[in-house]
C-alpha cells in the first residue's frame, strides 16, 4: 500500500466555530456544491460525530463516485474524517482550525489516501485534485460563512431570524457580543430530512450559477 499526501490551507474571515458549523451542515452540499455533489444520505449522527454517504464527481478527472464518511470533532481546533471509497481505498482527512482574531481563522486540511502501491506515481495528480476541490468548494462556502458570521453578530437565532427586523423596529444602539456556539448535530428545519438529491443543475437565482450545467 502507498499513502498519497496533500495539504491545503487558507485564511477565512469568520470564526472557527462558523467553519465547524459549515463542515457539519451536510444538507448544504447538494445546493451550495451542486457542481460536485449529487446526493447525500445521513446514516447516523449524534453529538460530535456523523456518518454520511455522499455521491460526487471529482474535479480534473471527472470521475463519478461515492464514499461513506465518518467525521467527528476531536476538539474545538480539530475535525477528523475517514472516507471509505471504492476499491477499498480510505482517505484520512484532518482539518486543523486556528484562531487569528475574533472573526478570522486559518483552516489547514491534510489529505492522506491509502491506495495500492501502483498509485504512488499519481501523487502529483492527487495533489492537483485535492487542491482544486479545496479551493472551489472554499469559494462556494465563503459567502455563506461570512454571511452567517455577520447576521449572528446582529442577533440572529436559528429558525427565528433577527428580532428587531422581524418586529420592523430600529436596530438597537448596542447589540451584545455573543461567541458563536458549537451546536452539533447541526439543527435542521425538518429533522427527518436525512437524505436529498441535487435539486438543480445550475441556479443563478440561488446565487450558485455556472457557465455550463453540472453533470447529473
N, C-alpha and C. Protein backbone atom coordinates (compact mmCIF):
# COMPACT_ATOMS: atom_id res chain seq x y z
N UNK A 1 0.83 -1.20 0.00
CA UNK A 1 0.00 0.00 0.00
C UNK A 1 0.87 1.26 0.00
N UNK A 2 0.32 2.35 -0.50
CA UNK A 2 1.02 3.63 -0.55
C UNK A 2 0.10 4.72 0.01
N UNK A 3 0.70 5.77 0.53
CA UNK A 3 -0.06 6.91 1.04
C UNK A 3 0.16 8.10 0.13
N UNK A 4 -0.92 8.61 -0.47
CA UNK A 4 -0.87 9.81 -1.29
C UNK A 4 -1.22 10.99 -0.39
N UNK A 5 -0.32 11.96 -0.30
CA UNK A 5 -0.47 13.06 0.67
C UNK A 5 -0.60 14.40 -0.02
N UNK A 6 -1.44 15.25 0.56
CA UNK A 6 -1.51 16.65 0.11
C UNK A 6 -1.99 17.51 1.27
N UNK A 7 -1.68 18.80 1.18
CA UNK A 7 -2.09 19.73 2.22
C UNK A 7 -2.53 21.04 1.58
N UNK A 8 -3.65 21.57 2.07
CA UNK A 8 -4.18 22.85 1.58
C UNK A 8 -4.55 23.70 2.80
N UNK A 9 -4.32 25.00 2.72
CA UNK A 9 -4.72 25.87 3.82
C UNK A 9 -5.05 27.26 3.30
N UNK A 10 -5.91 27.93 4.06
CA UNK A 10 -6.36 29.26 3.64
C UNK A 10 -6.96 29.97 4.85
N UNK A 11 -6.85 31.30 4.86
CA UNK A 11 -7.45 32.10 5.93
C UNK A 11 -8.90 32.40 5.60
N UNK A 12 -9.73 32.44 6.65
CA UNK A 12 -11.16 32.67 6.49
C UNK A 12 -11.60 33.83 7.38
N UNK A 13 -12.41 34.73 6.82
CA UNK A 13 -12.88 35.90 7.57
C UNK A 13 -14.13 35.58 8.37
N UNK A 14 -14.02 34.59 9.24
CA UNK A 14 -15.09 34.27 10.19
C UNK A 14 -14.45 33.45 11.31
N UNK A 15 -15.20 33.21 12.35
CA UNK A 15 -14.66 32.44 13.48
C UNK A 15 -14.55 30.97 13.10
N UNK A 16 -13.69 30.26 13.79
CA UNK A 16 -13.53 28.83 13.52
C UNK A 16 -14.81 28.06 13.86
N UNK A 17 -15.61 28.58 14.79
CA UNK A 17 -16.86 27.92 15.14
C UNK A 17 -17.84 27.91 13.97
N UNK A 18 -17.85 29.00 13.17
CA UNK A 18 -18.70 29.05 11.99
C UNK A 18 -18.21 28.04 10.94
N UNK A 19 -16.90 27.87 10.83
CA UNK A 19 -16.35 26.88 9.91
C UNK A 19 -16.77 25.47 10.33
N UNK A 20 -16.75 25.20 11.62
CA UNK A 20 -17.20 23.89 12.13
C UNK A 20 -18.65 23.66 11.77
N UNK A 21 -19.49 24.67 11.98
CA UNK A 21 -20.91 24.58 11.59
C UNK A 21 -21.02 24.22 10.11
N UNK A 22 -20.22 24.86 9.27
CA UNK A 22 -20.28 24.66 7.83
C UNK A 22 -19.92 23.21 7.46
N UNK A 23 -18.86 22.68 8.07
CA UNK A 23 -18.42 21.32 7.76
C UNK A 23 -19.45 20.27 8.18
N UNK A 24 -20.16 20.52 9.27
CA UNK A 24 -21.13 19.54 9.75
C UNK A 24 -22.54 19.78 9.22
N UNK A 25 -22.72 20.81 8.39
CA UNK A 25 -24.02 21.06 7.76
C UNK A 25 -24.10 20.24 6.47
N UNK A 26 -24.43 18.98 6.60
CA UNK A 26 -24.42 18.05 5.46
C UNK A 26 -25.46 18.41 4.40
N UNK A 27 -26.53 19.05 4.81
CA UNK A 27 -27.62 19.33 3.87
C UNK A 27 -27.23 20.33 2.79
N UNK A 28 -26.25 21.17 3.05
CA UNK A 28 -25.94 22.23 2.09
C UNK A 28 -25.17 21.73 0.87
N UNK A 29 -24.61 20.52 0.93
CA UNK A 29 -23.69 20.11 -0.14
C UNK A 29 -24.36 19.98 -1.50
N UNK A 30 -25.63 19.53 -1.55
CA UNK A 30 -26.27 19.35 -2.85
C UNK A 30 -26.82 20.67 -3.40
N UNK A 31 -26.75 21.73 -2.60
CA UNK A 31 -27.16 23.04 -3.08
C UNK A 31 -25.96 23.92 -3.35
N UNK A 32 -25.23 24.24 -2.29
CA UNK A 32 -24.06 25.10 -2.42
C UNK A 32 -23.00 24.49 -3.34
N UNK A 33 -22.80 23.18 -3.24
CA UNK A 33 -21.77 22.49 -4.04
C UNK A 33 -22.40 21.60 -5.11
N UNK A 34 -23.45 22.12 -5.75
CA UNK A 34 -24.19 21.29 -6.71
C UNK A 34 -23.34 20.86 -7.90
N UNK A 35 -22.25 21.59 -8.18
CA UNK A 35 -21.41 21.23 -9.33
C UNK A 35 -20.64 19.93 -9.06
N UNK A 36 -20.49 19.58 -7.78
CA UNK A 36 -19.75 18.37 -7.43
C UNK A 36 -20.65 17.29 -6.85
N UNK A 37 -21.48 17.66 -5.86
CA UNK A 37 -22.29 16.66 -5.17
C UNK A 37 -23.66 16.49 -5.84
N UNK A 38 -24.11 15.25 -5.92
CA UNK A 38 -25.43 14.98 -6.49
C UNK A 38 -26.40 14.42 -5.45
N UNK A 39 -25.88 13.84 -4.37
CA UNK A 39 -26.76 13.22 -3.39
C UNK A 39 -26.02 13.01 -2.08
N UNK A 40 -26.74 13.11 -0.97
CA UNK A 40 -26.17 12.74 0.32
C UNK A 40 -27.19 11.95 1.11
N UNK A 41 -26.72 11.14 2.03
CA UNK A 41 -27.59 10.38 2.91
C UNK A 41 -26.92 10.29 4.27
N UNK A 42 -27.55 10.89 5.29
CA UNK A 42 -27.03 10.83 6.65
C UNK A 42 -27.43 9.48 7.25
N UNK A 43 -26.45 8.62 7.46
CA UNK A 43 -26.72 7.30 8.03
C UNK A 43 -27.01 7.42 9.52
N UNK A 44 -26.17 8.20 10.19
CA UNK A 44 -26.34 8.42 11.64
C UNK A 44 -25.53 9.63 12.04
N UNK A 45 -25.99 10.34 13.06
CA UNK A 45 -25.23 11.45 13.63
C UNK A 45 -25.67 11.68 15.06
N UNK A 46 -24.72 12.04 15.90
CA UNK A 46 -25.03 12.28 17.30
C UNK A 46 -23.90 13.06 17.93
N UNK A 47 -24.26 14.09 18.67
CA UNK A 47 -23.26 14.91 19.35
C UNK A 47 -22.17 15.37 18.37
N UNK A 48 -20.93 14.95 18.59
CA UNK A 48 -19.81 15.47 17.78
C UNK A 48 -19.41 14.57 16.61
N UNK A 49 -20.25 13.61 16.20
CA UNK A 49 -19.85 12.73 15.10
C UNK A 49 -21.01 12.51 14.13
N UNK A 50 -20.65 12.09 12.90
CA UNK A 50 -21.66 11.78 11.89
C UNK A 50 -21.11 10.75 10.92
N UNK A 51 -22.01 9.98 10.34
CA UNK A 51 -21.68 9.00 9.30
C UNK A 51 -22.58 9.31 8.11
N UNK A 52 -21.97 9.73 7.00
CA UNK A 52 -22.73 10.22 5.85
C UNK A 52 -22.23 9.58 4.56
N UNK A 53 -23.16 9.17 3.71
CA UNK A 53 -22.82 8.69 2.37
C UNK A 53 -23.02 9.84 1.39
N UNK A 54 -22.01 10.07 0.53
CA UNK A 54 -22.09 11.16 -0.44
C UNK A 54 -21.78 10.63 -1.84
N UNK A 55 -22.47 11.21 -2.82
CA UNK A 55 -22.24 10.88 -4.22
C UNK A 55 -21.74 12.16 -4.90
N UNK A 56 -20.63 12.07 -5.62
CA UNK A 56 -19.99 13.28 -6.13
C UNK A 56 -19.15 12.98 -7.37
N UNK A 57 -18.65 14.07 -7.95
CA UNK A 57 -17.78 13.98 -9.13
C UNK A 57 -16.47 14.68 -8.81
N UNK A 58 -15.36 13.99 -9.01
CA UNK A 58 -14.05 14.56 -8.70
C UNK A 58 -13.62 15.56 -9.78
N UNK A 59 -13.01 16.68 -9.38
CA UNK A 59 -12.53 17.65 -10.37
C UNK A 59 -11.35 17.09 -11.16
N UNK A 60 -11.06 17.72 -12.27
CA UNK A 60 -9.94 17.40 -13.18
C UNK A 60 -10.19 16.10 -13.94
N UNK A 61 -10.36 14.96 -13.20
CA UNK A 61 -10.54 13.68 -13.89
C UNK A 61 -12.01 13.39 -14.17
N UNK A 62 -12.94 14.11 -13.51
CA UNK A 62 -14.37 13.97 -13.78
C UNK A 62 -14.97 12.64 -13.35
N UNK A 63 -14.31 11.89 -12.47
CA UNK A 63 -14.80 10.58 -12.05
C UNK A 63 -15.99 10.72 -11.11
N UNK A 64 -17.09 10.02 -11.45
CA UNK A 64 -18.24 9.96 -10.56
C UNK A 64 -18.06 8.80 -9.59
N UNK A 65 -18.21 9.07 -8.31
CA UNK A 65 -18.01 8.03 -7.32
C UNK A 65 -18.81 8.35 -6.07
N UNK A 66 -18.63 7.56 -5.03
CA UNK A 66 -19.31 7.80 -3.76
C UNK A 66 -18.45 7.25 -2.65
N UNK A 67 -18.74 7.66 -1.43
CA UNK A 67 -17.99 7.17 -0.28
C UNK A 67 -18.83 7.32 0.98
N UNK A 68 -18.46 6.54 1.98
CA UNK A 68 -19.04 6.69 3.31
C UNK A 68 -18.03 7.46 4.15
N UNK A 69 -18.48 8.55 4.77
CA UNK A 69 -17.57 9.38 5.54
C UNK A 69 -17.94 9.42 7.01
N UNK A 70 -16.99 9.05 7.86
CA UNK A 70 -17.17 9.17 9.31
C UNK A 70 -16.37 10.38 9.77
N UNK A 71 -17.06 11.38 10.31
CA UNK A 71 -16.42 12.64 10.70
C UNK A 71 -16.76 12.95 12.15
N UNK A 72 -15.77 13.46 12.86
CA UNK A 72 -16.02 13.84 14.25
C UNK A 72 -15.18 15.04 14.64
N UNK A 73 -15.69 15.78 15.63
CA UNK A 73 -14.98 16.94 16.17
C UNK A 73 -14.15 16.44 17.34
N UNK A 74 -12.83 16.29 17.11
CA UNK A 74 -11.96 15.76 18.16
C UNK A 74 -11.79 16.76 19.28
N UNK A 75 -11.67 18.04 18.92
CA UNK A 75 -11.63 19.13 19.89
C UNK A 75 -11.98 20.41 19.13
N UNK A 76 -12.17 21.55 19.80
CA UNK A 76 -12.59 22.76 19.09
C UNK A 76 -11.63 23.25 18.02
N UNK A 77 -10.44 22.63 17.93
CA UNK A 77 -9.45 23.05 16.95
C UNK A 77 -9.17 21.99 15.88
N UNK A 78 -9.87 20.86 15.95
CA UNK A 78 -9.53 19.77 15.04
C UNK A 78 -10.75 18.93 14.66
N UNK A 79 -10.99 18.82 13.34
CA UNK A 79 -12.00 17.93 12.79
C UNK A 79 -11.28 16.76 12.14
N UNK A 80 -11.72 15.53 12.43
CA UNK A 80 -11.15 14.34 11.80
C UNK A 80 -12.21 13.68 10.93
N UNK A 81 -11.73 13.02 9.86
CA UNK A 81 -12.66 12.36 8.95
C UNK A 81 -11.97 11.19 8.26
N UNK A 82 -12.72 10.09 8.12
CA UNK A 82 -12.28 8.96 7.32
C UNK A 82 -13.32 8.73 6.23
N UNK A 83 -12.87 8.72 4.98
CA UNK A 83 -13.75 8.49 3.83
C UNK A 83 -13.44 7.10 3.26
N UNK A 84 -14.44 6.23 3.27
CA UNK A 84 -14.28 4.88 2.78
C UNK A 84 -14.88 4.80 1.37
N UNK A 85 -14.01 4.70 0.37
CA UNK A 85 -14.45 4.77 -1.01
C UNK A 85 -14.41 3.44 -1.73
N UNK A 86 -14.41 3.52 -3.05
CA UNK A 86 -14.41 2.34 -3.90
C UNK A 86 -13.05 1.63 -3.84
N UNK A 87 -13.03 0.37 -4.21
CA UNK A 87 -11.81 -0.43 -4.31
C UNK A 87 -11.06 -0.51 -2.98
N UNK A 88 -11.78 -0.31 -1.88
CA UNK A 88 -11.16 -0.44 -0.57
C UNK A 88 -10.25 0.71 -0.17
N UNK A 89 -10.24 1.80 -0.94
CA UNK A 89 -9.40 2.94 -0.60
C UNK A 89 -9.99 3.73 0.56
N UNK A 90 -9.12 4.26 1.40
CA UNK A 90 -9.54 5.03 2.57
C UNK A 90 -8.78 6.35 2.58
N UNK A 91 -9.51 7.44 2.77
CA UNK A 91 -8.87 8.75 2.89
C UNK A 91 -8.98 9.24 4.33
N UNK A 92 -7.84 9.54 4.90
CA UNK A 92 -7.76 10.10 6.25
C UNK A 92 -7.59 11.61 6.10
N UNK A 93 -8.57 12.37 6.60
CA UNK A 93 -8.54 13.83 6.46
C UNK A 93 -8.52 14.49 7.82
N UNK A 94 -7.61 15.44 8.01
CA UNK A 94 -7.59 16.24 9.23
C UNK A 94 -7.79 17.69 8.86
N UNK A 95 -8.62 18.38 9.61
CA UNK A 95 -8.90 19.80 9.38
C UNK A 95 -8.55 20.55 10.67
N UNK A 96 -7.45 21.26 10.63
CA UNK A 96 -6.98 22.00 11.81
C UNK A 96 -7.44 23.45 11.72
N UNK A 97 -7.98 23.96 12.82
CA UNK A 97 -8.53 25.31 12.87
C UNK A 97 -7.75 26.13 13.89
N UNK A 98 -7.31 27.31 13.46
CA UNK A 98 -6.51 28.17 14.34
C UNK A 98 -7.08 29.58 14.35
N UNK A 99 -7.34 30.09 15.55
CA UNK A 99 -7.84 31.46 15.69
C UNK A 99 -6.78 32.46 15.26
N UNK A 100 -7.19 33.44 14.45
CA UNK A 100 -6.31 34.55 14.07
C UNK A 100 -6.87 35.88 14.54
N UNK A 101 -7.98 35.84 15.25
CA UNK A 101 -8.65 37.05 15.72
C UNK A 101 -10.09 36.71 16.02
N UNK A 102 -10.90 37.69 16.45
CA UNK A 102 -12.29 37.41 16.79
C UNK A 102 -13.12 36.90 15.62
N UNK A 103 -12.85 37.37 14.41
CA UNK A 103 -13.62 36.97 13.23
C UNK A 103 -12.70 36.51 12.11
N UNK A 104 -11.66 35.78 12.46
CA UNK A 104 -10.71 35.32 11.45
C UNK A 104 -10.05 34.03 11.95
N UNK A 105 -9.83 33.10 11.02
CA UNK A 105 -9.18 31.85 11.40
C UNK A 105 -8.39 31.29 10.22
N UNK A 106 -7.52 30.34 10.52
CA UNK A 106 -6.75 29.63 9.50
C UNK A 106 -7.24 28.20 9.46
N UNK A 107 -7.59 27.72 8.26
CA UNK A 107 -8.05 26.34 8.07
C UNK A 107 -6.97 25.58 7.30
N UNK A 108 -6.42 24.55 7.93
CA UNK A 108 -5.38 23.72 7.30
C UNK A 108 -5.91 22.30 7.16
N UNK A 109 -5.98 21.82 5.93
CA UNK A 109 -6.52 20.49 5.66
C UNK A 109 -5.44 19.58 5.08
N UNK A 110 -5.31 18.41 5.67
CA UNK A 110 -4.38 17.41 5.17
C UNK A 110 -5.16 16.19 4.67
N UNK A 111 -4.80 15.71 3.48
CA UNK A 111 -5.44 14.55 2.88
C UNK A 111 -4.42 13.43 2.78
N UNK A 112 -4.77 12.25 3.26
CA UNK A 112 -3.92 11.06 3.13
C UNK A 112 -4.78 9.93 2.57
N UNK A 113 -4.48 9.54 1.34
CA UNK A 113 -5.23 8.48 0.69
C UNK A 113 -4.42 7.18 0.72
N UNK A 114 -4.99 6.17 1.38
CA UNK A 114 -4.36 4.86 1.40
C UNK A 114 -4.80 4.11 0.15
N UNK A 115 -3.84 3.78 -0.73
CA UNK A 115 -4.15 3.17 -2.02
C UNK A 115 -3.11 2.10 -2.34
N UNK A 116 -3.43 1.20 -3.28
CA UNK A 116 -2.43 0.22 -3.71
C UNK A 116 -1.15 0.91 -4.18
N UNK A 117 -0.01 0.25 -3.98
CA UNK A 117 1.28 0.84 -4.28
C UNK A 117 1.43 1.35 -5.70
N UNK A 118 0.70 0.77 -6.65
CA UNK A 118 0.83 1.19 -8.05
C UNK A 118 0.33 2.61 -8.27
N UNK A 119 -0.42 3.17 -7.27
CA UNK A 119 -0.95 4.53 -7.41
C UNK A 119 0.03 5.60 -6.95
N UNK A 120 1.15 5.23 -6.34
CA UNK A 120 2.09 6.22 -5.80
C UNK A 120 2.57 7.22 -6.86
N UNK A 121 2.86 6.79 -8.12
CA UNK A 121 3.29 7.76 -9.13
C UNK A 121 2.25 8.83 -9.45
N UNK A 122 0.98 8.58 -9.03
CA UNK A 122 -0.08 9.54 -9.31
C UNK A 122 -0.26 10.57 -8.19
N UNK A 123 0.69 10.61 -7.24
CA UNK A 123 0.57 11.56 -6.13
C UNK A 123 0.52 13.01 -6.61
N UNK A 124 1.28 13.45 -7.62
CA UNK A 124 1.13 14.82 -8.11
C UNK A 124 -0.29 15.11 -8.62
N UNK A 125 -0.91 14.13 -9.28
CA UNK A 125 -2.28 14.31 -9.74
C UNK A 125 -3.23 14.40 -8.55
N UNK A 126 -2.99 13.60 -7.53
CA UNK A 126 -3.80 13.64 -6.30
C UNK A 126 -3.73 15.03 -5.66
N UNK A 127 -2.55 15.62 -5.67
CA UNK A 127 -2.40 16.96 -5.09
C UNK A 127 -3.17 18.00 -5.91
N UNK A 128 -3.16 17.85 -7.23
CA UNK A 128 -3.93 18.77 -8.08
C UNK A 128 -5.43 18.64 -7.83
N UNK A 129 -5.91 17.39 -7.71
CA UNK A 129 -7.34 17.13 -7.50
C UNK A 129 -7.78 17.72 -6.16
N UNK A 130 -7.04 17.44 -5.08
CA UNK A 130 -7.43 17.93 -3.76
C UNK A 130 -7.33 19.45 -3.67
N UNK A 131 -6.31 20.03 -4.32
CA UNK A 131 -6.18 21.49 -4.30
C UNK A 131 -7.35 22.14 -5.02
N UNK A 132 -7.74 21.59 -6.15
CA UNK A 132 -8.87 22.17 -6.90
C UNK A 132 -10.16 22.01 -6.12
N UNK A 133 -10.34 20.84 -5.53
CA UNK A 133 -11.54 20.59 -4.71
C UNK A 133 -11.58 21.58 -3.54
N UNK A 134 -10.46 21.74 -2.85
CA UNK A 134 -10.39 22.61 -1.68
C UNK A 134 -10.73 24.06 -2.06
N UNK A 135 -10.11 24.58 -3.11
CA UNK A 135 -10.31 25.97 -3.50
C UNK A 135 -11.73 26.20 -4.03
N UNK A 136 -12.21 25.31 -4.89
CA UNK A 136 -13.53 25.51 -5.48
C UNK A 136 -14.64 25.45 -4.44
N UNK A 137 -14.60 24.46 -3.56
CA UNK A 137 -15.64 24.37 -2.52
C UNK A 137 -15.47 25.50 -1.51
N UNK A 138 -14.23 25.93 -1.27
CA UNK A 138 -13.98 27.06 -0.38
C UNK A 138 -14.65 28.32 -0.93
N UNK A 139 -14.46 28.58 -2.20
CA UNK A 139 -15.04 29.77 -2.82
C UNK A 139 -16.57 29.74 -2.77
N UNK A 140 -17.15 28.56 -2.82
CA UNK A 140 -18.61 28.44 -2.72
C UNK A 140 -19.09 28.60 -1.29
N UNK A 141 -18.30 28.14 -0.33
CA UNK A 141 -18.69 28.21 1.09
C UNK A 141 -18.45 29.58 1.70
N UNK A 142 -17.43 30.29 1.23
CA UNK A 142 -17.01 31.53 1.88
C UNK A 142 -18.13 32.56 2.05
N UNK A 143 -18.95 32.86 0.99
CA UNK A 143 -20.01 33.85 1.19
C UNK A 143 -21.00 33.45 2.28
N UNK A 144 -21.31 32.15 2.35
CA UNK A 144 -22.24 31.66 3.36
C UNK A 144 -21.65 31.78 4.76
N UNK A 145 -20.37 31.48 4.90
CA UNK A 145 -19.72 31.58 6.20
C UNK A 145 -19.68 33.03 6.67
N UNK A 146 -19.28 33.93 5.78
CA UNK A 146 -19.19 35.35 6.15
C UNK A 146 -20.57 35.90 6.49
N UNK A 147 -21.57 35.51 5.70
CA UNK A 147 -22.94 35.97 5.97
C UNK A 147 -23.43 35.45 7.32
N UNK A 148 -23.11 34.19 7.62
CA UNK A 148 -23.51 33.60 8.90
C UNK A 148 -22.89 34.38 10.06
N UNK A 149 -21.62 34.71 9.95
CA UNK A 149 -20.93 35.46 11.00
C UNK A 149 -21.57 36.85 11.17
N UNK A 150 -21.87 37.48 10.03
CA UNK A 150 -22.42 38.84 10.08
C UNK A 150 -23.79 38.88 10.75
N UNK A 151 -24.69 37.98 10.32
CA UNK A 151 -26.04 38.03 10.90
C UNK A 151 -26.04 37.58 12.35
N UNK A 152 -25.11 36.69 12.72
CA UNK A 152 -25.02 36.27 14.12
C UNK A 152 -24.66 37.46 15.00
N UNK A 153 -23.76 38.31 14.52
CA UNK A 153 -23.36 39.49 15.28
C UNK A 153 -24.51 40.50 15.37
N UNK A 154 -25.48 40.40 14.46
CA UNK A 154 -26.65 41.27 14.51
C UNK A 154 -27.77 40.71 15.39
N UNK A 155 -27.55 39.53 15.97
CA UNK A 155 -28.54 38.94 16.87
C UNK A 155 -29.32 37.79 16.29
N UNK A 156 -28.89 37.24 15.16
CA UNK A 156 -29.62 36.14 14.51
C UNK A 156 -29.71 34.91 15.41
N UNK A 157 -30.88 34.25 15.36
CA UNK A 157 -31.08 32.97 16.03
C UNK A 157 -31.66 31.99 15.03
N UNK A 158 -31.23 30.74 15.07
CA UNK A 158 -31.73 29.73 14.14
C UNK A 158 -33.25 29.63 14.18
N UNK A 159 -33.85 29.63 12.99
CA UNK A 159 -35.30 29.45 12.82
C UNK A 159 -36.12 30.59 13.43
N UNK A 160 -35.45 31.66 13.88
CA UNK A 160 -36.17 32.81 14.44
C UNK A 160 -35.77 34.10 13.73
N UNK A 161 -34.59 34.14 13.14
CA UNK A 161 -34.15 35.34 12.44
C UNK A 161 -33.58 36.37 13.40
N UNK A 162 -33.70 37.63 13.00
CA UNK A 162 -33.20 38.76 13.80
C UNK A 162 -34.41 39.49 14.37
N UNK A 163 -34.46 39.59 15.67
CA UNK A 163 -35.65 40.06 16.38
C UNK A 163 -36.12 41.44 15.93
N UNK A 164 -35.23 42.41 15.90
CA UNK A 164 -35.67 43.78 15.58
C UNK A 164 -36.10 43.91 14.12
N UNK A 165 -35.56 43.08 13.24
CA UNK A 165 -36.01 43.08 11.84
C UNK A 165 -37.38 42.44 11.74
N UNK A 166 -37.59 41.35 12.47
CA UNK A 166 -38.91 40.70 12.46
C UNK A 166 -40.00 41.65 12.96
N UNK A 167 -39.64 42.47 13.96
CA UNK A 167 -40.62 43.39 14.55
C UNK A 167 -40.67 44.73 13.83
N UNK A 168 -39.80 44.88 12.79
CA UNK A 168 -39.75 46.12 12.00
C UNK A 168 -39.50 47.34 12.88
N UNK A 169 -38.56 47.19 13.78
CA UNK A 169 -38.16 48.30 14.65
C UNK A 169 -36.73 48.69 14.33
N UNK A 170 -36.28 49.78 14.90
CA UNK A 170 -34.92 50.26 14.65
C UNK A 170 -33.88 49.32 15.25
N UNK A 171 -32.73 49.29 14.63
CA UNK A 171 -31.64 48.47 15.16
C UNK A 171 -31.20 49.03 16.50
N UNK A 172 -31.07 48.19 17.52
CA UNK A 172 -30.62 48.68 18.84
C UNK A 172 -29.27 49.37 18.73
N UNK A 173 -29.07 50.36 19.57
CA UNK A 173 -27.81 51.10 19.56
C UNK A 173 -26.64 50.20 19.91
N UNK A 174 -26.90 49.19 20.72
CA UNK A 174 -25.84 48.27 21.11
C UNK A 174 -26.38 46.84 21.10
N UNK A 175 -25.67 45.96 20.40
CA UNK A 175 -26.06 44.55 20.34
C UNK A 175 -25.01 43.76 21.09
N UNK A 176 -25.43 42.98 22.09
CA UNK A 176 -24.44 42.22 22.89
C UNK A 176 -23.59 41.31 21.99
N UNK A 177 -22.31 41.28 22.28
CA UNK A 177 -21.40 40.42 21.53
C UNK A 177 -21.55 38.99 22.03
N UNK A 178 -21.85 38.06 21.11
CA UNK A 178 -22.04 36.67 21.50
C UNK A 178 -21.05 35.78 20.75
N UNK A 179 -20.32 34.95 21.45
CA UNK A 179 -19.47 33.99 20.74
C UNK A 179 -20.36 32.98 20.01
N UNK A 180 -19.93 32.55 18.83
CA UNK A 180 -20.74 31.60 18.08
C UNK A 180 -20.63 30.23 18.74
N UNK A 181 -21.76 29.59 19.05
CA UNK A 181 -21.71 28.31 19.77
C UNK A 181 -21.45 27.13 18.84
N UNK A 182 -20.80 26.10 19.35
CA UNK A 182 -20.67 24.84 18.63
C UNK A 182 -21.87 23.99 19.03
N UNK A 183 -22.79 23.79 18.09
CA UNK A 183 -24.01 23.03 18.35
C UNK A 183 -24.10 21.90 17.34
N UNK A 184 -23.81 20.69 17.82
CA UNK A 184 -23.84 19.51 16.95
C UNK A 184 -24.73 18.43 17.55
N UNK A 185 -25.44 17.69 16.67
CA UNK A 185 -25.54 17.87 15.22
C UNK A 185 -26.14 19.23 14.86
N UNK A 186 -25.85 19.70 13.66
CA UNK A 186 -26.37 20.99 13.21
C UNK A 186 -27.90 20.90 13.15
N UNK A 187 -28.62 21.84 13.78
CA UNK A 187 -30.09 21.80 13.77
C UNK A 187 -30.65 21.86 12.35
N UNK A 188 -31.76 21.15 12.13
CA UNK A 188 -32.40 21.10 10.82
C UNK A 188 -33.84 21.56 10.92
N UNK A 189 -34.33 22.18 9.84
CA UNK A 189 -35.74 22.59 9.82
C UNK A 189 -36.64 21.37 9.95
N UNK A 190 -36.31 20.32 9.18
CA UNK A 190 -37.05 19.06 9.24
C UNK A 190 -36.07 17.97 9.63
N UNK A 191 -36.09 17.54 10.89
CA UNK A 191 -35.12 16.53 11.34
C UNK A 191 -35.17 15.25 10.53
N UNK A 192 -36.31 14.98 9.88
CA UNK A 192 -36.42 13.74 9.10
C UNK A 192 -35.74 13.83 7.74
N UNK A 193 -35.30 15.04 7.34
CA UNK A 193 -34.66 15.22 6.03
C UNK A 193 -33.20 14.76 6.11
N UNK A 194 -32.99 13.46 6.13
CA UNK A 194 -31.66 12.90 6.25
C UNK A 194 -31.09 12.46 4.91
N UNK A 195 -31.83 12.71 3.83
CA UNK A 195 -31.37 12.30 2.51
C UNK A 195 -31.94 13.25 1.47
N UNK A 196 -31.13 13.62 0.49
CA UNK A 196 -31.61 14.51 -0.56
C UNK A 196 -30.75 14.38 -1.80
N UNK A 197 -31.35 14.65 -2.96
CA UNK A 197 -30.61 14.71 -4.21
C UNK A 197 -30.48 16.16 -4.64
N UNK A 198 -29.52 16.42 -5.53
CA UNK A 198 -29.30 17.77 -6.02
C UNK A 198 -30.58 18.28 -6.68
N UNK A 199 -31.10 19.44 -6.25
CA UNK A 199 -32.37 19.94 -6.77
C UNK A 199 -32.27 20.63 -8.12
N UNK A 200 -31.05 20.97 -8.57
CA UNK A 200 -30.91 21.69 -9.83
C UNK A 200 -29.51 21.48 -10.39
N UNK A 201 -29.38 21.71 -11.68
CA UNK A 201 -28.07 21.60 -12.31
C UNK A 201 -27.31 22.92 -12.20
N UNK A 202 -28.04 24.03 -12.29
CA UNK A 202 -27.45 25.34 -12.07
C UNK A 202 -28.54 26.30 -11.60
N UNK A 203 -28.15 27.31 -10.83
CA UNK A 203 -29.13 28.23 -10.27
C UNK A 203 -28.50 29.59 -10.03
N UNK A 204 -28.60 30.47 -11.03
CA UNK A 204 -28.11 31.83 -10.86
C UNK A 204 -28.95 32.54 -9.80
N UNK A 205 -30.26 32.25 -9.79
CA UNK A 205 -31.16 32.87 -8.82
C UNK A 205 -30.76 32.51 -7.38
N UNK A 206 -30.28 31.28 -7.22
CA UNK A 206 -29.88 30.85 -5.89
C UNK A 206 -28.49 31.32 -5.52
N UNK A 207 -27.82 31.99 -6.44
CA UNK A 207 -26.51 32.52 -6.14
C UNK A 207 -25.38 31.57 -6.46
N UNK A 208 -25.69 30.45 -7.10
CA UNK A 208 -24.66 29.48 -7.41
C UNK A 208 -24.77 29.05 -8.86
N UNK A 209 -24.60 30.02 -9.75
CA UNK A 209 -24.68 29.73 -11.16
C UNK A 209 -23.40 29.16 -11.69
N UNK A 210 -23.45 28.57 -12.88
CA UNK A 210 -22.26 28.04 -13.52
C UNK A 210 -22.36 28.32 -14.99
N UNK A 211 -21.21 28.36 -15.66
CA UNK A 211 -21.21 28.64 -17.07
C UNK A 211 -21.84 27.51 -17.87
N UNK A 212 -21.70 26.30 -17.37
CA UNK A 212 -22.33 25.15 -18.03
C UNK A 212 -22.95 24.27 -16.97
N UNK A 213 -23.97 23.53 -17.36
CA UNK A 213 -24.69 22.68 -16.41
C UNK A 213 -23.77 21.60 -15.87
N UNK A 214 -23.95 21.29 -14.58
CA UNK A 214 -23.18 20.22 -13.96
C UNK A 214 -23.69 18.87 -14.45
N UNK A 215 -22.85 17.85 -14.34
CA UNK A 215 -23.25 16.52 -14.74
C UNK A 215 -24.31 16.00 -13.77
N UNK A 216 -25.23 15.22 -14.28
CA UNK A 216 -26.26 14.65 -13.43
C UNK A 216 -25.99 13.18 -13.21
